Amino acid sequence: MALKHPDRVLEMTMQALQRTGQRGIIVVGWSGMQASGDGAENILCIQEAPHAWLFPRAAGVIHHGGAGTTAAVLKAGKPMTISPFNADQPFWAKRMYELGVSTKPIPEKSMSVASLVERITELTSDSTLAANSMALSGKIQEERGIDRTVEFIERRLNAHS
């Protein structure tokens, strides 16, 4: 998502990662943040990365709360922090928090180094958050959503032929 203050958010995120001693991959995408390879040695800024590859390798994910990204984090079984902007994002932020797989949401306007440190610490140390994320991922894996959808369509097509 395009940020109102991309440089400020990048600097706060880098400071928060350094203060927590965590490594971070910052996927800048369309945020307006400038990806550069000259950050701290524990932080990598990149333009893009496949969620299905990256998220399973992460301790937690901080993201904008779009439905696709939220689904990818859920599938990976990782805890998350959502920084919602608009549209359906506030809904997903609230719902993930209610399900116990996300920290309290943090809109960009409320973001600070201290609030990011708090969320990163929770993402990487709260065992209940991690367990809830893994449990919900397991339920999602068992749903067979695509198979059930195809079966439904085939039943409908066969009923009308």
N, C-alpha and C. Protein backbone atom coordinates (compact mmCIF):
# COMPACT_ATOMS: atom_id res chain seq x y z
N MET A 1 0.84 -1.19 0.00
CA MET A 1 0.00 0.00 0.00
C MET A 1 0.88 1.24 0.00
N ALA A 2 0.42 2.25 -0.69
CA ALA A 2 1.14 3.52 -0.71
C ALA A 2 1.00 4.18 0.67
N LEU A 3 2.12 4.49 1.26
CA LEU A 3 2.14 5.11 2.59
C LEU A 3 2.11 6.63 2.46
N LYS A 4 1.55 7.30 3.46
CA LYS A 4 1.57 8.76 3.47
C LYS A 4 2.97 9.27 3.78
N HIS A 5 3.69 8.54 4.64
CA HIS A 5 5.04 8.94 5.05
C HIS A 5 5.98 7.74 4.95
N PRO A 6 6.29 7.30 3.73
CA PRO A 6 7.08 6.07 3.56
C PRO A 6 8.45 6.11 4.22
N ASP A 7 9.16 7.23 4.13
CA ASP A 7 10.50 7.30 4.72
C ASP A 7 10.42 7.19 6.24
N ARG A 8 9.42 7.82 6.83
CA ARG A 8 9.22 7.78 8.28
C ARG A 8 8.92 6.35 8.74
N VAL A 9 8.02 5.67 8.02
CA VAL A 9 7.65 4.29 8.37
C VAL A 9 8.86 3.37 8.23
N LEU A 10 9.63 3.53 7.17
CA LEU A 10 10.82 2.71 6.98
C LEU A 10 11.81 2.92 8.12
N GLU A 11 12.07 4.16 8.47
CA GLU A 11 13.01 4.45 9.56
C GLU A 11 12.51 3.88 10.88
N MET A 12 11.22 4.04 11.17
CA MET A 12 10.66 3.51 12.42
C MET A 12 10.78 1.98 12.45
N THR A 13 10.48 1.35 11.32
CA THR A 13 10.55 -0.11 11.25
C THR A 13 11.98 -0.60 11.46
N MET A 14 12.93 0.06 10.83
CA MET A 14 14.32 -0.33 10.99
C MET A 14 14.78 -0.13 12.44
N GLN A 15 14.39 0.97 13.05
CA GLN A 15 14.75 1.19 14.46
C GLN A 15 14.12 0.14 15.37
N ALA A 16 12.86 -0.19 15.10
CA ALA A 16 12.16 -1.19 15.93
C ALA A 16 12.82 -2.56 15.80
N LEU A 17 13.20 -2.93 14.58
CA LEU A 17 13.88 -4.21 14.39
C LEU A 17 15.22 -4.22 15.12
N GLN A 18 15.95 -3.13 15.04
CA GLN A 18 17.23 -3.06 15.73
C GLN A 18 17.04 -3.14 17.24
N ARG A 19 16.05 -2.43 17.77
CA ARG A 19 15.81 -2.43 19.22
C ARG A 19 15.38 -3.80 19.74
N THR A 20 14.66 -4.55 18.92
CA THR A 20 14.20 -5.88 19.35
C THR A 20 15.22 -6.97 19.04
N GLY A 21 16.24 -6.64 18.28
CA GLY A 21 17.24 -7.64 17.92
C GLY A 21 16.74 -8.63 16.89
N GLN A 22 15.68 -8.28 16.19
CA GLN A 22 15.10 -9.17 15.18
C GLN A 22 15.64 -8.84 13.80
N ARG A 23 15.71 -9.87 12.97
CA ARG A 23 16.01 -9.68 11.56
C ARG A 23 14.71 -9.30 10.86
N GLY A 24 14.80 -8.61 9.75
CA GLY A 24 13.59 -8.25 9.03
C GLY A 24 13.81 -8.18 7.54
N ILE A 25 12.79 -8.60 6.82
CA ILE A 25 12.74 -8.40 5.38
C ILE A 25 11.60 -7.43 5.14
N ILE A 26 11.94 -6.28 4.60
CA ILE A 26 10.94 -5.25 4.33
C ILE A 26 10.66 -5.29 2.83
N VAL A 27 9.44 -5.70 2.50
CA VAL A 27 9.02 -5.76 1.10
C VAL A 27 8.37 -4.41 0.80
N VAL A 28 9.06 -3.57 0.06
CA VAL A 28 8.61 -2.20 -0.13
C VAL A 28 7.45 -2.07 -1.12
N GLY A 29 7.39 -2.93 -2.12
CA GLY A 29 6.27 -2.90 -3.06
C GLY A 29 5.92 -1.52 -3.54
N TRP A 30 4.63 -1.15 -3.39
CA TRP A 30 4.12 0.16 -3.84
C TRP A 30 4.08 1.17 -2.71
N SER A 31 4.74 0.88 -1.60
CA SER A 31 4.65 1.71 -0.40
C SER A 31 5.24 3.10 -0.56
N GLY A 32 6.18 3.26 -1.48
CA GLY A 32 6.90 4.52 -1.59
C GLY A 32 8.22 4.49 -0.85
N MET A 33 8.43 3.43 -0.04
CA MET A 33 9.72 3.28 0.64
C MET A 33 10.78 2.96 -0.41
N GLN A 34 11.96 3.44 -0.19
CA GLN A 34 13.05 3.20 -1.13
C GLN A 34 13.87 2.00 -0.67
N ALA A 35 13.81 0.92 -1.45
CA ALA A 35 14.59 -0.28 -1.14
C ALA A 35 16.05 0.04 -1.35
N SER A 36 16.85 -0.32 -0.36
CA SER A 36 18.28 -0.10 -0.52
C SER A 36 19.01 -1.20 0.21
N GLY A 37 20.14 -1.58 -0.31
CA GLY A 37 20.91 -2.66 0.29
C GLY A 37 21.87 -2.19 1.36
N ASP A 38 21.85 -0.90 1.71
CA ASP A 38 22.84 -0.40 2.67
C ASP A 38 22.26 -0.19 4.06
N GLY A 39 21.24 -0.96 4.42
CA GLY A 39 20.67 -0.86 5.76
C GLY A 39 21.50 -1.67 6.75
N ALA A 40 20.96 -1.83 7.93
CA ALA A 40 21.63 -2.63 8.95
C ALA A 40 21.77 -4.07 8.45
N GLU A 41 22.74 -4.79 8.98
CA GLU A 41 22.99 -6.14 8.48
C GLU A 41 21.85 -7.11 8.78
N ASN A 42 20.97 -6.77 9.71
CA ASN A 42 19.85 -7.66 10.04
C ASN A 42 18.57 -7.31 9.29
N ILE A 43 18.65 -6.35 8.36
CA ILE A 43 17.47 -5.90 7.64
C ILE A 43 17.74 -5.91 6.14
N LEU A 44 16.84 -6.52 5.41
CA LEU A 44 16.94 -6.57 3.95
C LEU A 44 15.69 -5.91 3.38
N CYS A 45 15.89 -4.91 2.54
CA CYS A 45 14.78 -4.26 1.84
C CYS A 45 14.76 -4.79 0.41
N ILE A 46 13.60 -5.28 -0.01
CA ILE A 46 13.46 -5.81 -1.36
C ILE A 46 12.18 -5.25 -1.98
N GLN A 47 12.10 -5.29 -3.28
CA GLN A 47 10.93 -4.76 -3.98
C GLN A 47 9.72 -5.68 -3.84
N GLU A 48 9.93 -6.98 -4.00
CA GLU A 48 8.82 -7.93 -3.93
C GLU A 48 9.35 -9.33 -3.61
N ALA A 49 8.43 -10.19 -3.16
CA ALA A 49 8.76 -11.59 -2.88
C ALA A 49 7.46 -12.38 -2.87
N PRO A 50 7.49 -13.62 -3.30
CA PRO A 50 6.28 -14.45 -3.26
C PRO A 50 5.89 -14.75 -1.80
N HIS A 51 4.68 -14.38 -1.43
CA HIS A 51 4.20 -14.61 -0.06
C HIS A 51 4.26 -16.08 0.33
N ALA A 52 3.91 -16.96 -0.59
CA ALA A 52 3.88 -18.40 -0.29
C ALA A 52 5.27 -18.93 0.04
N TRP A 53 6.30 -18.29 -0.47
CA TRP A 53 7.67 -18.69 -0.16
C TRP A 53 8.18 -17.99 1.10
N LEU A 54 7.91 -16.69 1.20
CA LEU A 54 8.49 -15.88 2.28
C LEU A 54 7.84 -16.11 3.64
N PHE A 55 6.52 -16.10 3.71
CA PHE A 55 5.84 -16.12 5.00
C PHE A 55 6.12 -17.36 5.85
N PRO A 56 6.19 -18.55 5.27
CA PRO A 56 6.50 -19.71 6.12
C PRO A 56 7.88 -19.62 6.79
N ARG A 57 8.75 -18.79 6.26
CA ARG A 57 10.10 -18.65 6.79
C ARG A 57 10.20 -17.53 7.83
N ALA A 58 9.11 -16.82 8.07
CA ALA A 58 9.12 -15.67 8.98
C ALA A 58 8.60 -16.07 10.37
N ALA A 59 9.04 -15.32 11.37
CA ALA A 59 8.52 -15.52 12.73
C ALA A 59 7.13 -14.89 12.86
N GLY A 60 6.90 -13.83 12.10
CA GLY A 60 5.63 -13.12 12.09
C GLY A 60 5.63 -12.16 10.92
N VAL A 61 4.46 -11.63 10.60
CA VAL A 61 4.33 -10.76 9.43
C VAL A 61 3.56 -9.50 9.82
N ILE A 62 4.11 -8.34 9.46
CA ILE A 62 3.42 -7.07 9.60
C ILE A 62 3.01 -6.66 8.19
N HIS A 63 1.72 -6.40 7.99
CA HIS A 63 1.23 -6.10 6.64
C HIS A 63 0.01 -5.18 6.67
N HIS A 64 -0.49 -4.84 5.48
CA HIS A 64 -1.57 -3.87 5.32
C HIS A 64 -2.97 -4.43 5.57
N GLY A 65 -3.13 -5.73 5.55
CA GLY A 65 -4.43 -6.32 5.85
C GLY A 65 -5.33 -6.58 4.67
N GLY A 66 -4.79 -6.58 3.47
CA GLY A 66 -5.60 -6.97 2.33
C GLY A 66 -5.99 -8.44 2.45
N ALA A 67 -7.10 -8.81 1.82
CA ALA A 67 -7.60 -10.18 1.94
C ALA A 67 -6.58 -11.22 1.46
N GLY A 68 -5.90 -10.96 0.36
CA GLY A 68 -4.93 -11.92 -0.17
C GLY A 68 -3.72 -12.10 0.73
N THR A 69 -3.19 -10.99 1.23
CA THR A 69 -2.03 -11.08 2.12
C THR A 69 -2.43 -11.73 3.44
N THR A 70 -3.59 -11.36 3.97
CA THR A 70 -4.09 -11.97 5.20
C THR A 70 -4.22 -13.48 5.03
N ALA A 71 -4.80 -13.90 3.90
CA ALA A 71 -4.96 -15.33 3.63
C ALA A 71 -3.61 -16.03 3.54
N ALA A 72 -2.63 -15.39 2.92
CA ALA A 72 -1.30 -16.00 2.79
C ALA A 72 -0.63 -16.17 4.15
N VAL A 73 -0.80 -15.19 5.05
CA VAL A 73 -0.23 -15.30 6.39
C VAL A 73 -0.94 -16.40 7.16
N LEU A 74 -2.27 -16.46 7.04
CA LEU A 74 -3.03 -17.52 7.71
C LEU A 74 -2.58 -18.89 7.23
N LYS A 75 -2.44 -19.05 5.93
CA LYS A 75 -2.02 -20.32 5.37
C LYS A 75 -0.63 -20.72 5.88
N ALA A 76 0.25 -19.73 6.05
CA ALA A 76 1.61 -19.99 6.54
C ALA A 76 1.62 -20.31 8.03
N GLY A 77 0.51 -20.01 8.72
CA GLY A 77 0.43 -20.31 10.15
C GLY A 77 1.28 -19.39 11.01
N LYS A 78 1.41 -18.15 10.59
CA LYS A 78 2.25 -17.21 11.31
C LYS A 78 1.40 -16.12 11.98
N PRO A 79 1.83 -15.64 13.14
CA PRO A 79 1.13 -14.51 13.75
C PRO A 79 1.37 -13.25 12.93
N MET A 80 0.47 -12.29 13.07
CA MET A 80 0.56 -11.09 12.25
C MET A 80 0.22 -9.83 13.03
N THR A 81 0.64 -8.73 12.49
CA THR A 81 0.20 -7.40 12.91
C THR A 81 -0.29 -6.73 11.64
N ILE A 82 -1.47 -6.15 11.71
CA ILE A 82 -2.04 -5.49 10.53
C ILE A 82 -2.06 -3.98 10.75
N SER A 83 -1.60 -3.28 9.73
CA SER A 83 -1.66 -1.82 9.69
C SER A 83 -2.64 -1.46 8.58
N PRO A 84 -3.95 -1.39 8.93
CA PRO A 84 -4.98 -1.20 7.90
C PRO A 84 -5.01 0.22 7.34
N PHE A 85 -5.40 0.32 6.08
CA PHE A 85 -5.52 1.61 5.42
C PHE A 85 -6.97 1.91 5.06
N ASN A 86 -7.58 1.06 4.23
CA ASN A 86 -8.93 1.36 3.75
C ASN A 86 -9.63 0.09 3.28
N ALA A 87 -10.80 0.28 2.70
CA ALA A 87 -11.61 -0.81 2.12
C ALA A 87 -11.86 -1.90 3.16
N ASP A 88 -11.50 -3.16 2.84
CA ASP A 88 -11.75 -4.28 3.75
C ASP A 88 -10.67 -4.47 4.80
N GLN A 89 -9.60 -3.71 4.73
CA GLN A 89 -8.46 -3.92 5.62
C GLN A 89 -8.79 -3.73 7.11
N PRO A 90 -9.54 -2.70 7.50
CA PRO A 90 -9.91 -2.59 8.92
C PRO A 90 -10.73 -3.80 9.40
N PHE A 91 -11.58 -4.33 8.53
CA PHE A 91 -12.35 -5.53 8.89
C PHE A 91 -11.42 -6.70 9.19
N TRP A 92 -10.47 -6.96 8.27
CA TRP A 92 -9.55 -8.08 8.46
C TRP A 92 -8.67 -7.87 9.69
N ALA A 93 -8.26 -6.64 9.93
CA ALA A 93 -7.44 -6.34 11.11
C ALA A 93 -8.21 -6.68 12.38
N LYS A 94 -9.44 -6.25 12.45
CA LYS A 94 -10.27 -6.52 13.63
C LYS A 94 -10.55 -8.02 13.78
N ARG A 95 -10.87 -8.66 12.67
CA ARG A 95 -11.21 -10.09 12.71
C ARG A 95 -10.02 -10.95 13.11
N MET A 96 -8.86 -10.67 12.58
CA MET A 96 -7.67 -11.46 12.92
C MET A 96 -7.32 -11.27 14.40
N TYR A 97 -7.51 -10.05 14.90
CA TYR A 97 -7.26 -9.79 16.33
C TYR A 97 -8.25 -10.57 17.18
N GLU A 98 -9.53 -10.57 16.77
CA GLU A 98 -10.56 -11.33 17.50
C GLU A 98 -10.27 -12.83 17.50
N LEU A 99 -9.72 -13.33 16.42
CA LEU A 99 -9.40 -14.76 16.31
C LEU A 99 -8.13 -15.14 17.07
N GLY A 100 -7.42 -14.15 17.58
CA GLY A 100 -6.23 -14.42 18.36
C GLY A 100 -5.01 -14.80 17.54
N VAL A 101 -4.97 -14.36 16.27
CA VAL A 101 -3.83 -14.66 15.42
C VAL A 101 -3.05 -13.38 15.07
N SER A 102 -3.51 -12.27 15.61
CA SER A 102 -2.89 -10.98 15.33
C SER A 102 -2.78 -10.16 16.61
N THR A 103 -1.75 -9.33 16.64
CA THR A 103 -1.64 -8.35 17.69
C THR A 103 -2.70 -7.28 17.44
N LYS A 104 -2.82 -6.34 18.33
CA LYS A 104 -3.74 -5.22 18.13
C LYS A 104 -3.30 -4.47 16.86
N PRO A 105 -4.26 -4.12 15.99
CA PRO A 105 -3.91 -3.40 14.75
C PRO A 105 -3.20 -2.08 15.06
N ILE A 106 -2.44 -1.61 14.09
CA ILE A 106 -1.69 -0.36 14.25
C ILE A 106 -1.75 0.46 12.96
N PRO A 107 -2.71 1.38 12.86
CA PRO A 107 -2.78 2.24 11.67
C PRO A 107 -1.51 3.08 11.53
N GLU A 108 -1.18 3.46 10.30
CA GLU A 108 0.03 4.24 10.04
C GLU A 108 0.09 5.49 10.91
N LYS A 109 -1.05 6.17 11.08
CA LYS A 109 -1.05 7.42 11.85
C LYS A 109 -0.72 7.20 13.33
N SER A 110 -0.92 5.98 13.83
CA SER A 110 -0.62 5.65 15.22
C SER A 110 0.74 4.99 15.39
N MET A 111 1.43 4.76 14.30
CA MET A 111 2.68 4.02 14.33
C MET A 111 3.79 4.86 14.94
N SER A 112 4.59 4.21 15.78
CA SER A 112 5.78 4.82 16.37
C SER A 112 6.81 3.71 16.55
N VAL A 113 8.01 4.09 16.85
CA VAL A 113 9.03 3.07 17.10
C VAL A 113 8.58 2.22 18.28
N ALA A 114 8.07 2.87 19.33
CA ALA A 114 7.64 2.14 20.52
C ALA A 114 6.50 1.16 20.21
N SER A 115 5.52 1.58 19.41
CA SER A 115 4.40 0.68 19.09
C SER A 115 4.87 -0.48 18.22
N LEU A 116 5.81 -0.23 17.33
CA LEU A 116 6.36 -1.31 16.50
C LEU A 116 7.20 -2.27 17.35
N VAL A 117 7.98 -1.75 18.27
CA VAL A 117 8.75 -2.60 19.18
C VAL A 117 7.79 -3.51 19.95
N GLU A 118 6.71 -2.93 20.45
CA GLU A 118 5.71 -3.71 21.20
C GLU A 118 5.13 -4.83 20.34
N ARG A 119 4.74 -4.51 19.10
CA ARG A 119 4.13 -5.51 18.21
C ARG A 119 5.14 -6.58 17.80
N ILE A 120 6.36 -6.18 17.47
CA ILE A 120 7.38 -7.15 17.06
C ILE A 120 7.70 -8.08 18.22
N THR A 121 7.80 -7.54 19.41
CA THR A 121 8.06 -8.37 20.59
C THR A 121 6.94 -9.37 20.79
N GLU A 122 5.70 -8.91 20.66
CA GLU A 122 4.56 -9.82 20.82
C GLU A 122 4.54 -10.88 19.72
N LEU A 123 4.80 -10.47 18.48
CA LEU A 123 4.81 -11.43 17.36
C LEU A 123 5.83 -12.54 17.57
N THR A 124 6.96 -12.20 18.16
CA THR A 124 8.05 -13.16 18.26
C THR A 124 8.13 -13.88 19.60
N SER A 125 7.29 -13.49 20.56
CA SER A 125 7.42 -14.13 21.88
C SER A 125 6.12 -14.67 22.47
N ASP A 126 4.98 -14.31 21.91
CA ASP A 126 3.70 -14.74 22.47
C ASP A 126 3.37 -16.14 21.96
N SER A 127 3.52 -17.14 22.81
CA SER A 127 3.30 -18.53 22.39
C SER A 127 1.83 -18.80 22.07
N THR A 128 0.91 -18.10 22.73
CA THR A 128 -0.51 -18.29 22.43
C THR A 128 -0.83 -17.78 21.02
N LEU A 129 -0.29 -16.64 20.67
CA LEU A 129 -0.48 -16.08 19.33
C LEU A 129 0.05 -17.05 18.28
N ALA A 130 1.23 -17.61 18.52
CA ALA A 130 1.83 -18.57 17.58
C ALA A 130 0.98 -19.84 17.49
N ALA A 131 0.53 -20.35 18.63
CA ALA A 131 -0.28 -21.58 18.63
C ALA A 131 -1.61 -21.36 17.93
N ASN A 132 -2.25 -20.22 18.18
CA ASN A 132 -3.52 -19.91 17.51
C ASN A 132 -3.33 -19.83 16.00
N SER A 133 -2.23 -19.24 15.58
CA SER A 133 -1.95 -19.10 14.14
C SER A 133 -1.75 -20.46 13.48
N MET A 134 -1.01 -21.34 14.15
CA MET A 134 -0.79 -22.69 13.61
C MET A 134 -2.09 -23.48 13.57
N ALA A 135 -2.90 -23.36 14.62
CA ALA A 135 -4.17 -24.10 14.68
C ALA A 135 -5.11 -23.64 13.57
N LEU A 136 -5.21 -22.34 13.35
CA LEU A 136 -6.10 -21.83 12.30
C LEU A 136 -5.58 -22.23 10.93
N SER A 137 -4.27 -22.23 10.75
CA SER A 137 -3.68 -22.68 9.49
C SER A 137 -4.07 -24.13 9.22
N GLY A 138 -4.01 -24.96 10.25
CA GLY A 138 -4.39 -26.37 10.09
C GLY A 138 -5.83 -26.53 9.65
N LYS A 139 -6.72 -25.74 10.25
CA LYS A 139 -8.14 -25.80 9.85
C LYS A 139 -8.31 -25.38 8.40
N ILE A 140 -7.59 -24.35 7.99
CA ILE A 140 -7.68 -23.88 6.60
C ILE A 140 -7.19 -24.96 5.65
N GLN A 141 -6.09 -25.63 6.01
CA GLN A 141 -5.54 -26.70 5.15
C GLN A 141 -6.53 -27.85 4.99
N GLU A 142 -7.34 -28.11 6.02
CA GLU A 142 -8.30 -29.21 5.99
C GLU A 142 -9.58 -28.88 5.21
N GLU A 143 -9.82 -27.63 4.94
CA GLU A 143 -11.10 -27.22 4.33
C GLU A 143 -11.32 -27.75 2.92
N ARG A 144 -10.29 -27.93 2.16
CA ARG A 144 -10.44 -28.38 0.77
C ARG A 144 -11.38 -27.46 -0.01
N GLY A 145 -11.20 -26.16 0.17
CA GLY A 145 -12.10 -25.17 -0.43
C GLY A 145 -12.23 -25.28 -1.94
N ILE A 146 -11.11 -25.44 -2.63
CA ILE A 146 -11.16 -25.54 -4.10
C ILE A 146 -11.87 -26.82 -4.52
N ASP A 147 -11.54 -27.94 -3.87
CA ASP A 147 -12.19 -29.21 -4.21
C ASP A 147 -13.70 -29.12 -3.99
N ARG A 148 -14.11 -28.55 -2.88
CA ARG A 148 -15.54 -28.43 -2.58
C ARG A 148 -16.26 -27.50 -3.55
N THR A 149 -15.57 -26.46 -3.98
CA THR A 149 -16.16 -25.54 -4.95
C THR A 149 -16.35 -26.23 -6.30
N VAL A 150 -15.35 -26.97 -6.75
CA VAL A 150 -15.45 -27.71 -8.02
C VAL A 150 -16.58 -28.73 -7.93
N GLU A 151 -16.67 -29.45 -6.82
CA GLU A 151 -17.75 -30.44 -6.63
C GLU A 151 -19.12 -29.76 -6.70
N PHE A 152 -19.26 -28.60 -6.08
CA PHE A 152 -20.51 -27.86 -6.09
C PHE A 152 -20.88 -27.46 -7.52
N ILE A 153 -19.91 -26.92 -8.25
CA ILE A 153 -20.17 -26.50 -9.64
C ILE A 153 -20.56 -27.69 -10.50
N GLU A 154 -19.83 -28.79 -10.34
CA GLU A 154 -20.15 -29.98 -11.14
C GLU A 154 -21.55 -30.50 -10.80
N ARG A 155 -21.94 -30.50 -9.54
CA ARG A 155 -23.30 -30.92 -9.17
C ARG A 155 -24.34 -30.03 -9.81
N ARG A 156 -24.10 -28.75 -9.82
CA ARG A 156 -25.04 -27.80 -10.43
C ARG A 156 -25.14 -28.00 -11.94
N LEU A 157 -23.98 -28.20 -12.56
CA LEU A 157 -23.97 -28.42 -14.01
C LEU A 157 -24.68 -29.73 -14.36
N ASN A 158 -24.44 -30.78 -13.61
CA ASN A 158 -25.06 -32.07 -13.87
C ASN A 158 -26.57 -32.05 -13.58
N ALA A 159 -26.98 -31.24 -12.63
CA ALA A 159 -28.41 -31.15 -12.30
C ALA A 159 -29.20 -30.44 -13.41
N HIS A 160 -28.52 -29.59 -14.19
CA HIS A 160 -29.19 -28.84 -15.25
C HIS A 160 -28.93 -29.42 -16.64
N SER A 161 -28.32 -30.60 -16.71
CA SER A 161 -28.07 -31.16 -18.05
C SER A 161 -28.99 -32.30 -18.34
